[in-house]
Amino acid sequence: MAWYGIVADPDDLALRRPPPQNLPTGVTIVHPGAKAAQRRWPVDRFAAVARELTCRGHRVVVTGSSGEGVLAAEVAARAGLPGSAVLAGRTGVGEVAALVAHGRLVVAGDTGIGHLATAYATPSVLLFGPVSPALWGPPVNRPWHRALWAGPVPSGRAVAETHPALAAPGVAQVLEAAEEVERTGHDLPAAAPAITTRERFSCRSW
């Protein structure tokens, strides 16, 4: 905005929350997709995080674009989530914004849904690589957001593979960060509805 000569506060990143739009509230959003393959955390790790968070009482949904339906379905299947948890390709931009605005937690890579989490102050754990979160990550003075980045790790890999800086954080580190952002005492959304008996599954080691 400043480039266009519009006076704006660079620290004012908040957006007004939209109504829920008949979508579930208090859910934890796992978003495995990203435009570039190097910016996608491995599918099995997203699935492990989704499974463990569900075991801890989170109601997890998997989001993505219409072209990421297969990816989202694979994450959900590996996590043992029901098909109804896959929202990829079933929500427009406004609906995704409402989902995040009324969500409990967002776990994603360096992509647009992370910016929505920042704008709505929804707790988030964001995985970065190869680009530093200093450029596009949430403000560092907001403890309800956590950007995980291994640093400027050079990549000799093919473009189709996850960048080493992004591959560095493991499942345990993401889960620890998720627990920390929820412990900050920030004004969290209402707790997710209880999981029904049909949706339950046995917790397994990741």
N, C-alpha and C. Protein backbone atom coordinates (compact mmCIF):
# COMPACT_ATOMS: atom_id res chain seq x y z
N MET A 1 0.82 -1.20 0.00
CA MET A 1 0.00 0.00 0.00
C MET A 1 0.86 1.26 0.00
N ALA A 2 1.97 1.21 0.74
CA ALA A 2 2.88 2.36 0.78
C ALA A 2 3.46 2.63 -0.61
N TRP A 3 3.70 1.57 -1.38
CA TRP A 3 4.25 1.73 -2.72
C TRP A 3 3.30 2.56 -3.59
N TYR A 4 1.99 2.43 -3.34
CA TYR A 4 0.98 3.18 -4.08
C TYR A 4 0.71 4.55 -3.45
N GLY A 5 1.45 4.88 -2.41
CA GLY A 5 1.27 6.18 -1.77
C GLY A 5 0.14 6.23 -0.77
N ILE A 6 -0.34 5.06 -0.34
CA ILE A 6 -1.42 5.00 0.64
C ILE A 6 -0.83 4.88 2.03
N VAL A 7 -1.23 5.77 2.92
CA VAL A 7 -0.72 5.73 4.29
C VAL A 7 -1.33 4.53 5.00
N ALA A 8 -0.49 3.69 5.57
CA ALA A 8 -0.96 2.49 6.26
C ALA A 8 0.00 2.12 7.38
N ASP A 9 -0.54 1.49 8.41
CA ASP A 9 0.26 1.01 9.53
C ASP A 9 0.77 -0.39 9.20
N PRO A 10 2.08 -0.58 9.03
CA PRO A 10 2.60 -1.90 8.65
C PRO A 10 2.39 -2.96 9.71
N ASP A 11 2.07 -2.56 10.94
CA ASP A 11 1.82 -3.52 12.01
C ASP A 11 0.35 -3.89 12.14
N ASP A 12 -0.51 -3.21 11.40
CA ASP A 12 -1.94 -3.49 11.47
C ASP A 12 -2.28 -4.54 10.41
N LEU A 13 -2.24 -5.81 10.81
CA LEU A 13 -2.46 -6.91 9.88
C LEU A 13 -3.82 -7.58 10.07
N ALA A 14 -4.63 -7.02 10.96
CA ALA A 14 -5.88 -7.69 11.32
C ALA A 14 -6.97 -7.49 10.28
N LEU A 15 -7.78 -8.53 10.12
CA LEU A 15 -8.98 -8.47 9.31
C LEU A 15 -10.18 -8.75 10.22
N ARG A 16 -11.31 -8.15 9.90
CA ARG A 16 -12.53 -8.40 10.66
C ARG A 16 -13.01 -9.82 10.37
N ARG A 17 -13.38 -10.54 11.41
CA ARG A 17 -13.82 -11.92 11.22
C ARG A 17 -15.14 -11.99 10.47
N PRO A 18 -15.20 -12.83 9.42
CA PRO A 18 -16.47 -13.03 8.71
C PRO A 18 -17.35 -14.00 9.50
N PRO A 19 -18.63 -14.09 9.18
CA PRO A 19 -19.49 -15.08 9.84
C PRO A 19 -19.05 -16.50 9.46
N PRO A 20 -19.41 -17.50 10.26
CA PRO A 20 -18.97 -18.88 10.00
C PRO A 20 -19.42 -19.47 8.67
N GLN A 21 -20.50 -18.97 8.08
CA GLN A 21 -20.99 -19.44 6.78
C GLN A 21 -21.35 -20.93 6.76
N ASN A 22 -22.00 -21.39 7.83
CA ASN A 22 -22.43 -22.78 7.93
C ASN A 22 -21.27 -23.78 7.85
N LEU A 23 -20.10 -23.34 8.25
CA LEU A 23 -18.94 -24.21 8.31
C LEU A 23 -18.63 -24.57 9.76
N PRO A 24 -17.91 -25.66 10.01
CA PRO A 24 -17.57 -26.01 11.39
C PRO A 24 -16.67 -24.95 12.02
N THR A 25 -16.84 -24.72 13.30
CA THR A 25 -15.99 -23.78 14.03
C THR A 25 -15.16 -24.53 15.06
N GLY A 26 -14.06 -23.90 15.46
CA GLY A 26 -13.20 -24.52 16.46
C GLY A 26 -12.40 -25.70 15.95
N VAL A 27 -12.26 -25.82 14.63
CA VAL A 27 -11.53 -26.96 14.08
C VAL A 27 -10.04 -26.62 13.92
N THR A 28 -9.24 -27.67 13.86
CA THR A 28 -7.83 -27.53 13.55
C THR A 28 -7.63 -27.81 12.06
N ILE A 29 -7.01 -26.87 11.37
CA ILE A 29 -6.87 -26.93 9.92
C ILE A 29 -5.47 -27.37 9.54
N VAL A 30 -5.38 -28.48 8.85
CA VAL A 30 -4.11 -28.97 8.31
C VAL A 30 -4.15 -28.71 6.81
N HIS A 31 -3.19 -27.94 6.33
CA HIS A 31 -3.17 -27.52 4.92
C HIS A 31 -1.84 -27.98 4.31
N PRO A 32 -1.82 -29.14 3.64
CA PRO A 32 -0.55 -29.70 3.16
C PRO A 32 -0.05 -29.15 1.83
N GLY A 33 -0.87 -28.40 1.12
CA GLY A 33 -0.50 -27.97 -0.22
C GLY A 33 0.33 -26.70 -0.26
N ALA A 34 0.95 -26.48 -1.38
CA ALA A 34 1.70 -25.26 -1.69
C ALA A 34 1.93 -25.26 -3.20
N LYS A 35 2.08 -24.08 -3.77
CA LYS A 35 2.21 -23.98 -5.23
C LYS A 35 3.45 -24.71 -5.73
N ALA A 36 4.58 -24.52 -5.04
CA ALA A 36 5.83 -25.14 -5.47
C ALA A 36 6.11 -26.40 -4.65
N ALA A 37 6.59 -27.44 -5.30
CA ALA A 37 6.87 -28.70 -4.63
C ALA A 37 7.91 -28.55 -3.53
N GLN A 38 8.88 -27.66 -3.71
CA GLN A 38 9.92 -27.46 -2.70
C GLN A 38 9.37 -26.89 -1.40
N ARG A 39 8.16 -26.33 -1.45
CA ARG A 39 7.57 -25.71 -0.27
C ARG A 39 6.50 -26.59 0.37
N ARG A 40 6.49 -27.88 0.00
CA ARG A 40 5.52 -28.82 0.58
C ARG A 40 6.22 -29.75 1.57
N TRP A 41 5.79 -29.67 2.81
CA TRP A 41 6.27 -30.61 3.83
C TRP A 41 5.77 -32.01 3.46
N PRO A 42 6.52 -33.07 3.78
CA PRO A 42 6.12 -34.42 3.36
C PRO A 42 4.73 -34.83 3.84
N VAL A 43 4.02 -35.56 2.99
CA VAL A 43 2.65 -35.99 3.26
C VAL A 43 2.57 -36.83 4.53
N ASP A 44 3.52 -37.75 4.71
CA ASP A 44 3.44 -38.63 5.87
C ASP A 44 3.59 -37.86 7.18
N ARG A 45 4.31 -36.75 7.15
CA ARG A 45 4.46 -35.96 8.38
C ARG A 45 3.19 -35.17 8.67
N PHE A 46 2.58 -34.60 7.64
CA PHE A 46 1.30 -33.93 7.85
C PHE A 46 0.28 -34.92 8.43
N ALA A 47 0.27 -36.13 7.89
CA ALA A 47 -0.67 -37.14 8.35
C ALA A 47 -0.39 -37.51 9.81
N ALA A 48 0.88 -37.64 10.17
CA ALA A 48 1.22 -37.98 11.55
C ALA A 48 0.79 -36.89 12.51
N VAL A 49 0.97 -35.63 12.10
CA VAL A 49 0.54 -34.51 12.93
C VAL A 49 -0.98 -34.51 13.08
N ALA A 50 -1.68 -34.72 11.96
CA ALA A 50 -3.14 -34.75 12.00
C ALA A 50 -3.65 -35.86 12.90
N ARG A 51 -3.03 -37.02 12.83
CA ARG A 51 -3.44 -38.15 13.66
C ARG A 51 -3.23 -37.86 15.14
N GLU A 52 -2.06 -37.36 15.48
CA GLU A 52 -1.77 -37.11 16.88
C GLU A 52 -2.63 -35.99 17.45
N LEU A 53 -2.86 -34.94 16.68
CA LEU A 53 -3.72 -33.86 17.16
C LEU A 53 -5.14 -34.36 17.39
N THR A 54 -5.61 -35.26 16.52
CA THR A 54 -6.93 -35.84 16.72
C THR A 54 -6.96 -36.66 18.01
N CYS A 55 -5.90 -37.39 18.25
CA CYS A 55 -5.81 -38.16 19.50
C CYS A 55 -5.83 -37.24 20.72
N ARG A 56 -5.36 -36.02 20.56
CA ARG A 56 -5.32 -35.06 21.67
C ARG A 56 -6.63 -34.27 21.80
N GLY A 57 -7.61 -34.60 20.99
CA GLY A 57 -8.92 -33.96 21.13
C GLY A 57 -9.24 -32.90 20.10
N HIS A 58 -8.36 -32.68 19.13
CA HIS A 58 -8.63 -31.71 18.07
C HIS A 58 -9.58 -32.33 17.04
N ARG A 59 -10.44 -31.51 16.49
CA ARG A 59 -11.24 -31.93 15.34
C ARG A 59 -10.53 -31.40 14.11
N VAL A 60 -9.89 -32.29 13.37
CA VAL A 60 -9.00 -31.91 12.28
C VAL A 60 -9.72 -31.96 10.94
N VAL A 61 -9.52 -30.93 10.13
CA VAL A 61 -9.97 -30.92 8.74
C VAL A 61 -8.76 -30.66 7.86
N VAL A 62 -8.81 -31.13 6.63
CA VAL A 62 -7.70 -30.96 5.68
C VAL A 62 -8.18 -30.10 4.53
N THR A 63 -7.53 -28.98 4.32
CA THR A 63 -7.95 -28.04 3.28
C THR A 63 -6.97 -28.02 2.11
N GLY A 64 -7.39 -27.36 1.04
CA GLY A 64 -6.55 -27.23 -0.14
C GLY A 64 -7.37 -26.71 -1.30
N SER A 65 -6.69 -26.46 -2.39
CA SER A 65 -7.36 -25.98 -3.60
C SER A 65 -8.05 -27.15 -4.30
N SER A 66 -8.78 -26.85 -5.37
CA SER A 66 -9.45 -27.90 -6.13
C SER A 66 -8.45 -28.87 -6.74
N GLY A 67 -7.24 -28.39 -7.02
CA GLY A 67 -6.22 -29.26 -7.58
C GLY A 67 -5.45 -30.05 -6.55
N GLU A 68 -5.75 -29.84 -5.27
CA GLU A 68 -5.03 -30.53 -4.19
C GLU A 68 -5.91 -31.55 -3.47
N GLY A 69 -7.03 -31.92 -4.11
CA GLY A 69 -7.94 -32.87 -3.49
C GLY A 69 -7.30 -34.22 -3.21
N VAL A 70 -6.52 -34.73 -4.17
CA VAL A 70 -5.87 -36.03 -4.00
C VAL A 70 -4.86 -35.97 -2.85
N LEU A 71 -4.10 -34.88 -2.80
CA LEU A 71 -3.12 -34.69 -1.73
C LEU A 71 -3.81 -34.66 -0.36
N ALA A 72 -4.88 -33.87 -0.26
CA ALA A 72 -5.60 -33.75 1.01
C ALA A 72 -6.22 -35.09 1.41
N ALA A 73 -6.77 -35.81 0.43
CA ALA A 73 -7.37 -37.11 0.73
C ALA A 73 -6.33 -38.11 1.22
N GLU A 74 -5.13 -38.04 0.65
CA GLU A 74 -4.06 -38.95 1.09
C GLU A 74 -3.65 -38.65 2.52
N VAL A 75 -3.53 -37.36 2.86
CA VAL A 75 -3.20 -36.98 4.24
C VAL A 75 -4.26 -37.50 5.20
N ALA A 76 -5.53 -37.28 4.84
CA ALA A 76 -6.63 -37.71 5.71
C ALA A 76 -6.64 -39.22 5.87
N ALA A 77 -6.45 -39.94 4.76
CA ALA A 77 -6.48 -41.40 4.82
C ALA A 77 -5.35 -41.93 5.70
N ARG A 78 -4.16 -41.39 5.53
CA ARG A 78 -3.03 -41.85 6.35
C ARG A 78 -3.22 -41.49 7.82
N ALA A 79 -3.95 -40.41 8.08
CA ALA A 79 -4.20 -40.00 9.45
C ALA A 79 -5.37 -40.74 10.08
N GLY A 80 -6.12 -41.48 9.27
CA GLY A 80 -7.29 -42.18 9.77
C GLY A 80 -8.51 -41.30 9.93
N LEU A 81 -8.53 -40.17 9.24
CA LEU A 81 -9.65 -39.25 9.32
C LEU A 81 -10.77 -39.67 8.38
N PRO A 82 -12.02 -39.35 8.70
CA PRO A 82 -13.13 -39.68 7.80
C PRO A 82 -13.08 -38.82 6.55
N GLY A 83 -13.74 -39.25 5.50
CA GLY A 83 -13.76 -38.49 4.25
C GLY A 83 -14.36 -37.12 4.42
N SER A 84 -15.26 -36.96 5.38
CA SER A 84 -15.89 -35.66 5.61
C SER A 84 -14.90 -34.62 6.11
N ALA A 85 -13.73 -35.07 6.57
CA ALA A 85 -12.71 -34.13 7.06
C ALA A 85 -11.95 -33.46 5.92
N VAL A 86 -12.09 -33.98 4.70
CA VAL A 86 -11.38 -33.42 3.54
C VAL A 86 -12.22 -32.30 2.94
N LEU A 87 -11.75 -31.07 3.08
CA LEU A 87 -12.48 -29.91 2.55
C LEU A 87 -11.82 -29.33 1.31
N ALA A 88 -10.72 -29.92 0.88
CA ALA A 88 -10.01 -29.42 -0.30
C ALA A 88 -10.92 -29.44 -1.52
N GLY A 89 -11.02 -28.31 -2.21
CA GLY A 89 -11.84 -28.21 -3.40
C GLY A 89 -13.31 -28.02 -3.12
N ARG A 90 -13.70 -28.01 -1.86
CA ARG A 90 -15.11 -27.87 -1.49
C ARG A 90 -15.41 -26.51 -0.87
N THR A 91 -14.41 -25.66 -0.77
CA THR A 91 -14.60 -24.34 -0.15
C THR A 91 -13.98 -23.27 -1.04
N GLY A 92 -14.67 -22.14 -1.16
CA GLY A 92 -14.13 -21.00 -1.87
C GLY A 92 -13.22 -20.19 -0.95
N VAL A 93 -12.66 -19.12 -1.48
CA VAL A 93 -11.73 -18.29 -0.71
C VAL A 93 -12.41 -17.72 0.53
N GLY A 94 -13.63 -17.21 0.36
CA GLY A 94 -14.34 -16.64 1.50
C GLY A 94 -14.65 -17.66 2.56
N GLU A 95 -14.96 -18.89 2.13
CA GLU A 95 -15.26 -19.95 3.10
C GLU A 95 -14.01 -20.39 3.84
N VAL A 96 -12.89 -20.46 3.14
CA VAL A 96 -11.63 -20.81 3.80
C VAL A 96 -11.28 -19.73 4.84
N ALA A 97 -11.49 -18.47 4.47
CA ALA A 97 -11.22 -17.37 5.41
C ALA A 97 -12.07 -17.52 6.66
N ALA A 98 -13.35 -17.85 6.49
CA ALA A 98 -14.24 -18.03 7.64
C ALA A 98 -13.81 -19.22 8.47
N LEU A 99 -13.37 -20.28 7.82
CA LEU A 99 -12.90 -21.47 8.53
C LEU A 99 -11.71 -21.14 9.42
N VAL A 100 -10.77 -20.38 8.87
CA VAL A 100 -9.59 -19.99 9.63
C VAL A 100 -9.96 -19.01 10.74
N ALA A 101 -10.82 -18.05 10.42
CA ALA A 101 -11.20 -17.03 11.40
C ALA A 101 -11.83 -17.62 12.65
N HIS A 102 -12.54 -18.72 12.48
CA HIS A 102 -13.23 -19.35 13.60
C HIS A 102 -12.58 -20.68 13.98
N GLY A 103 -11.32 -20.85 13.56
CA GLY A 103 -10.61 -22.10 13.82
C GLY A 103 -9.89 -22.10 15.15
N ARG A 104 -9.41 -23.27 15.50
CA ARG A 104 -8.63 -23.46 16.73
C ARG A 104 -7.13 -23.35 16.48
N LEU A 105 -6.68 -23.93 15.36
CA LEU A 105 -5.25 -23.99 15.05
C LEU A 105 -5.08 -24.21 13.56
N VAL A 106 -4.03 -23.64 12.99
CA VAL A 106 -3.66 -23.87 11.59
C VAL A 106 -2.26 -24.44 11.54
N VAL A 107 -2.09 -25.54 10.81
CA VAL A 107 -0.77 -26.13 10.56
C VAL A 107 -0.59 -26.16 9.05
N ALA A 108 0.40 -25.44 8.56
CA ALA A 108 0.56 -25.30 7.10
C ALA A 108 1.98 -24.92 6.76
N GLY A 109 2.25 -24.91 5.47
CA GLY A 109 3.52 -24.41 4.98
C GLY A 109 3.45 -22.92 4.73
N ASP A 110 4.42 -22.44 3.98
CA ASP A 110 4.50 -21.01 3.65
C ASP A 110 3.55 -20.74 2.49
N THR A 111 2.28 -20.51 2.82
CA THR A 111 1.28 -20.28 1.79
C THR A 111 0.18 -19.37 2.34
N GLY A 112 -0.81 -19.05 1.50
CA GLY A 112 -1.79 -18.02 1.84
C GLY A 112 -2.57 -18.25 3.11
N ILE A 113 -2.89 -19.50 3.44
CA ILE A 113 -3.69 -19.76 4.61
C ILE A 113 -2.97 -19.35 5.90
N GLY A 114 -1.64 -19.32 5.85
CA GLY A 114 -0.87 -18.83 6.98
C GLY A 114 -1.06 -17.35 7.20
N HIS A 115 -1.19 -16.60 6.11
CA HIS A 115 -1.45 -15.16 6.22
C HIS A 115 -2.84 -14.91 6.82
N LEU A 116 -3.80 -15.76 6.46
CA LEU A 116 -5.13 -15.63 7.04
C LEU A 116 -5.09 -15.88 8.55
N ALA A 117 -4.31 -16.86 8.97
CA ALA A 117 -4.19 -17.14 10.40
C ALA A 117 -3.62 -15.93 11.14
N THR A 118 -2.66 -15.27 10.52
CA THR A 118 -2.10 -14.06 11.12
C THR A 118 -3.16 -12.96 11.18
N ALA A 119 -3.90 -12.79 10.10
CA ALA A 119 -4.89 -11.71 10.03
C ALA A 119 -6.03 -11.90 11.03
N TYR A 120 -6.36 -13.15 11.34
CA TYR A 120 -7.46 -13.42 12.26
C TYR A 120 -6.98 -13.83 13.65
N ALA A 121 -5.66 -13.77 13.87
CA ALA A 121 -5.06 -14.12 15.17
C ALA A 121 -5.42 -15.54 15.59
N THR A 122 -5.53 -16.43 14.62
CA THR A 122 -5.77 -17.84 14.91
C THR A 122 -4.42 -18.51 15.13
N PRO A 123 -4.21 -19.20 16.25
CA PRO A 123 -2.92 -19.84 16.51
C PRO A 123 -2.46 -20.67 15.32
N SER A 124 -1.17 -20.59 15.01
CA SER A 124 -0.67 -21.29 13.82
C SER A 124 0.75 -21.78 14.01
N VAL A 125 1.04 -22.87 13.31
CA VAL A 125 2.40 -23.39 13.18
C VAL A 125 2.67 -23.47 11.69
N LEU A 126 3.64 -22.68 11.22
CA LEU A 126 3.91 -22.57 9.79
C LEU A 126 5.32 -23.04 9.49
N LEU A 127 5.45 -23.87 8.46
CA LEU A 127 6.74 -24.45 8.09
C LEU A 127 7.30 -23.71 6.89
N PHE A 128 8.52 -23.19 7.05
CA PHE A 128 9.13 -22.38 6.00
C PHE A 128 10.35 -23.06 5.39
N GLY A 129 10.57 -22.79 4.13
CA GLY A 129 11.71 -23.25 3.37
C GLY A 129 11.32 -23.31 1.90
N PRO A 130 12.14 -22.76 1.02
CA PRO A 130 13.45 -22.17 1.26
C PRO A 130 13.44 -20.70 1.66
N VAL A 131 12.28 -20.03 1.64
CA VAL A 131 12.22 -18.60 1.92
C VAL A 131 12.14 -18.36 3.43
N SER A 132 12.89 -17.39 3.92
CA SER A 132 12.90 -17.06 5.34
C SER A 132 11.57 -16.49 5.80
N PRO A 133 11.10 -16.86 7.00
CA PRO A 133 9.87 -16.26 7.54
C PRO A 133 10.02 -14.78 7.84
N ALA A 134 11.27 -14.28 7.84
CA ALA A 134 11.47 -12.84 8.03
C ALA A 134 10.83 -12.04 6.90
N LEU A 135 10.64 -12.67 5.75
CA LEU A 135 10.03 -11.99 4.61
C LEU A 135 8.51 -12.09 4.63
N TRP A 136 7.98 -13.30 4.84
CA TRP A 136 6.54 -13.51 4.70
C TRP A 136 5.90 -14.17 5.92
N GLY A 137 6.64 -14.35 6.98
CA GLY A 137 6.10 -15.02 8.15
C GLY A 137 5.33 -14.10 9.07
N PRO A 138 4.69 -14.65 10.10
CA PRO A 138 3.95 -13.83 11.07
C PRO A 138 4.90 -13.00 11.91
N PRO A 139 4.43 -11.90 12.49
CA PRO A 139 5.29 -11.08 13.35
C PRO A 139 5.89 -11.91 14.49
N VAL A 140 7.14 -11.69 14.78
CA VAL A 140 7.83 -12.51 15.78
C VAL A 140 7.37 -12.21 17.21
N ASN A 141 6.69 -11.08 17.41
CA ASN A 141 6.25 -10.72 18.76
C ASN A 141 4.86 -11.25 19.09
N ARG A 142 4.36 -12.19 18.31
CA ARG A 142 3.05 -12.78 18.57
C ARG A 142 3.22 -14.26 18.87
N PRO A 143 3.22 -14.61 20.16
CA PRO A 143 3.54 -16.00 20.55
C PRO A 143 2.51 -17.02 20.14
N TRP A 144 1.34 -16.58 19.66
CA TRP A 144 0.35 -17.56 19.22
C TRP A 144 0.58 -17.99 17.77
N HIS A 145 1.65 -17.46 17.15
CA HIS A 145 2.08 -17.93 15.84
C HIS A 145 3.51 -18.43 15.96
N ARG A 146 3.82 -19.55 15.32
CA ARG A 146 5.18 -20.07 15.34
C ARG A 146 5.61 -20.44 13.93
N ALA A 147 6.70 -19.83 13.48
CA ALA A 147 7.28 -20.14 12.18
C ALA A 147 8.50 -21.02 12.39
N LEU A 148 8.51 -22.19 11.80
CA LEU A 148 9.63 -23.12 11.91
C LEU A 148 10.46 -23.05 10.64
N TRP A 149 11.75 -22.78 10.82
CA TRP A 149 12.65 -22.63 9.67
C TRP A 149 14.04 -23.07 10.09
N ALA A 150 14.67 -23.89 9.29
CA ALA A 150 15.99 -24.43 9.62
C ALA A 150 17.12 -23.49 9.24
N GLY A 151 16.80 -22.38 8.57
CA GLY A 151 17.84 -21.45 8.16
C GLY A 151 18.13 -21.56 6.68
N PRO A 152 19.08 -20.77 6.20
CA PRO A 152 19.40 -20.75 4.77
C PRO A 152 20.17 -21.99 4.33
N VAL A 153 19.49 -23.12 4.26
CA VAL A 153 20.13 -24.38 3.86
C VAL A 153 20.17 -24.45 2.34
N PRO A 154 21.35 -24.59 1.74
CA PRO A 154 21.42 -24.68 0.27
C PRO A 154 20.80 -25.97 -0.22
N SER A 155 20.20 -25.93 -1.41
CA SER A 155 19.54 -27.10 -1.97
C SER A 155 20.21 -27.53 -3.25
N GLY A 156 20.59 -28.82 -3.29
CA GLY A 156 21.09 -29.40 -4.53
C GLY A 156 20.08 -30.35 -5.11
N ARG A 157 18.86 -30.35 -4.52
CA ARG A 157 17.83 -31.29 -4.93
C ARG A 157 17.06 -30.79 -6.15
N ALA A 158 16.33 -31.71 -6.73
CA ALA A 158 15.47 -31.36 -7.87
C ALA A 158 14.32 -30.50 -7.38
N VAL A 159 13.75 -29.74 -8.29
CA VAL A 159 12.66 -28.84 -7.94
C VAL A 159 11.46 -29.61 -7.41
N ALA A 160 11.31 -30.87 -7.81
CA ALA A 160 10.14 -31.67 -7.44
C ALA A 160 10.22 -32.21 -6.01
N GLU A 161 11.30 -31.93 -5.29
CA GLU A 161 11.47 -32.46 -3.95
C GLU A 161 11.36 -31.36 -2.90
N THR A 162 11.03 -31.79 -1.69
CA THR A 162 10.95 -30.86 -0.56
C THR A 162 12.32 -30.24 -0.29
N HIS A 163 12.35 -28.93 -0.11
CA HIS A 163 13.61 -28.25 0.18
C HIS A 163 14.16 -28.71 1.53
N PRO A 164 15.49 -28.88 1.66
CA PRO A 164 16.08 -29.36 2.92
C PRO A 164 15.71 -28.51 4.13
N ALA A 165 15.59 -27.20 3.95
CA ALA A 165 15.23 -26.34 5.08
C ALA A 165 13.83 -26.65 5.58
N LEU A 166 12.95 -27.03 4.67
CA LEU A 166 11.58 -27.38 5.03
C LEU A 166 11.50 -28.79 5.58
N ALA A 167 12.36 -29.67 5.08
CA ALA A 167 12.34 -31.06 5.52
C ALA A 167 12.96 -31.23 6.91
N ALA A 168 13.70 -30.23 7.38
CA ALA A 168 14.40 -30.37 8.66
C ALA A 168 13.49 -30.54 9.87
N PRO A 169 12.43 -29.74 10.04
CA PRO A 169 11.57 -29.93 11.21
C PRO A 169 10.82 -31.26 11.14
N GLY A 170 10.81 -31.97 12.26
CA GLY A 170 10.11 -33.24 12.31
C GLY A 170 8.73 -33.12 12.93
N VAL A 171 8.04 -34.24 13.00
CA VAL A 171 6.68 -34.27 13.56
C VAL A 171 6.67 -33.81 15.00
N ALA A 172 7.62 -34.28 15.79
CA ALA A 172 7.65 -33.93 17.21
C ALA A 172 7.80 -32.42 17.41
N GLN A 173 8.63 -31.79 16.58
CA GLN A 173 8.84 -30.35 16.70
C GLN A 173 7.57 -29.58 16.37
N VAL A 174 6.84 -30.03 15.36
CA VAL A 174 5.59 -29.35 14.99
C VAL A 174 4.55 -29.52 16.09
N LEU A 175 4.45 -30.71 16.65
CA LEU A 175 3.49 -30.95 17.72
C LEU A 175 3.82 -30.14 18.97
N GLU A 176 5.11 -30.04 19.27
CA GLU A 176 5.53 -29.22 20.42
C GLU A 176 5.16 -27.76 20.19
N ALA A 177 5.39 -27.26 18.96
CA ALA A 177 5.05 -25.88 18.65
C ALA A 177 3.55 -25.66 18.73
N ALA A 178 2.77 -26.65 18.28
CA ALA A 178 1.31 -26.53 18.35
C ALA A 178 0.84 -26.42 19.79
N GLU A 179 1.44 -27.19 20.66
CA GLU A 179 1.08 -27.13 22.08
C GLU A 179 1.46 -25.78 22.68
N GLU A 180 2.59 -25.25 22.27
CA GLU A 180 3.06 -23.97 22.82
C GLU A 180 2.18 -22.81 22.39
N VAL A 181 1.76 -22.77 21.11
CA VAL A 181 0.96 -21.64 20.66
C VAL A 181 -0.43 -21.66 21.31
N GLU A 182 -0.88 -22.83 21.69
CA GLU A 182 -2.17 -22.92 22.37
C GLU A 182 -2.06 -22.62 23.86
N ARG A 183 -0.83 -22.60 24.37
CA ARG A 183 -0.63 -22.33 25.79
C ARG A 183 -0.38 -20.85 26.07
N THR A 184 -0.38 -20.03 25.06
CA THR A 184 0.04 -18.64 25.23
C THR A 184 -0.93 -17.80 26.05
N GLY A 185 -2.16 -18.27 26.22
CA GLY A 185 -3.14 -17.48 26.94
C GLY A 185 -3.86 -16.49 26.06
N HIS A 186 -3.57 -16.54 24.74
CA HIS A 186 -4.26 -15.65 23.80
C HIS A 186 -5.74 -16.01 23.78
N ASP A 187 -6.58 -15.12 23.32
CA ASP A 187 -8.02 -15.32 23.26
C ASP A 187 -8.35 -16.34 22.18
N LEU A 188 -8.32 -17.61 22.57
CA LEU A 188 -8.53 -18.69 21.62
C LEU A 188 -10.00 -18.85 21.26
N PRO A 189 -10.29 -19.39 20.07
CA PRO A 189 -11.67 -19.67 19.71
C PRO A 189 -12.26 -20.74 20.62
N ALA A 190 -13.57 -20.92 20.53
CA ALA A 190 -14.23 -21.93 21.34
C ALA A 190 -13.70 -23.31 20.98
N ALA A 191 -13.74 -24.21 21.94
CA ALA A 191 -13.24 -25.56 21.71
C ALA A 191 -14.07 -26.26 20.65
N ALA A 192 -13.41 -27.17 19.94
CA ALA A 192 -14.09 -27.92 18.88
C ALA A 192 -15.12 -28.86 19.48
N PRO A 193 -16.17 -29.18 18.71
CA PRO A 193 -17.16 -30.15 19.17
C PRO A 193 -16.51 -31.50 19.42
N ALA A 194 -17.09 -32.27 20.30
CA ALA A 194 -16.54 -33.59 20.60
C ALA A 194 -16.61 -34.48 19.37
N ILE A 195 -15.65 -35.37 19.22
CA ILE A 195 -15.63 -36.30 18.11
C ILE A 195 -16.66 -37.39 18.37
N THR A 196 -17.46 -37.72 17.38
CA THR A 196 -18.46 -38.76 17.55
C THR A 196 -17.80 -40.13 17.61
N THR A 197 -18.55 -41.11 18.11
CA THR A 197 -18.01 -42.46 18.22
C THR A 197 -17.56 -42.99 16.87
N ARG A 198 -18.34 -42.69 15.82
CA ARG A 198 -18.00 -43.18 14.49
C ARG A 198 -16.69 -42.59 14.00
N GLU A 199 -16.35 -41.37 14.42
CA GLU A 199 -15.14 -40.71 13.94
C GLU A 199 -13.90 -41.08 14.73
N ARG A 200 -14.08 -41.72 15.86
CA ARG A 200 -12.94 -42.05 16.71
C ARG A 200 -12.10 -43.17 16.09
N PHE A 201 -10.83 -43.19 16.40
CA PHE A 201 -9.97 -44.29 16.01
C PHE A 201 -8.87 -44.42 17.05
N SER A 202 -8.23 -45.54 17.07
CA SER A 202 -7.20 -45.75 18.09
C SER A 202 -5.96 -44.95 17.76
N CYS A 203 -5.37 -44.36 18.79
CA CYS A 203 -4.15 -43.57 18.59
C CYS A 203 -2.98 -44.51 18.41
N ARG A 204 -2.19 -44.25 17.40
CA ARG A 204 -1.02 -45.08 17.15
C ARG A 204 0.23 -44.22 17.21
N SER A 205 1.33 -44.86 17.44
CA SER A 205 2.60 -44.12 17.51
C SER A 205 2.96 -43.58 16.14
N TRP A 206 3.45 -42.33 16.10
CA TRP A 206 3.95 -41.78 14.84
C TRP A 206 5.47 -41.83 14.85
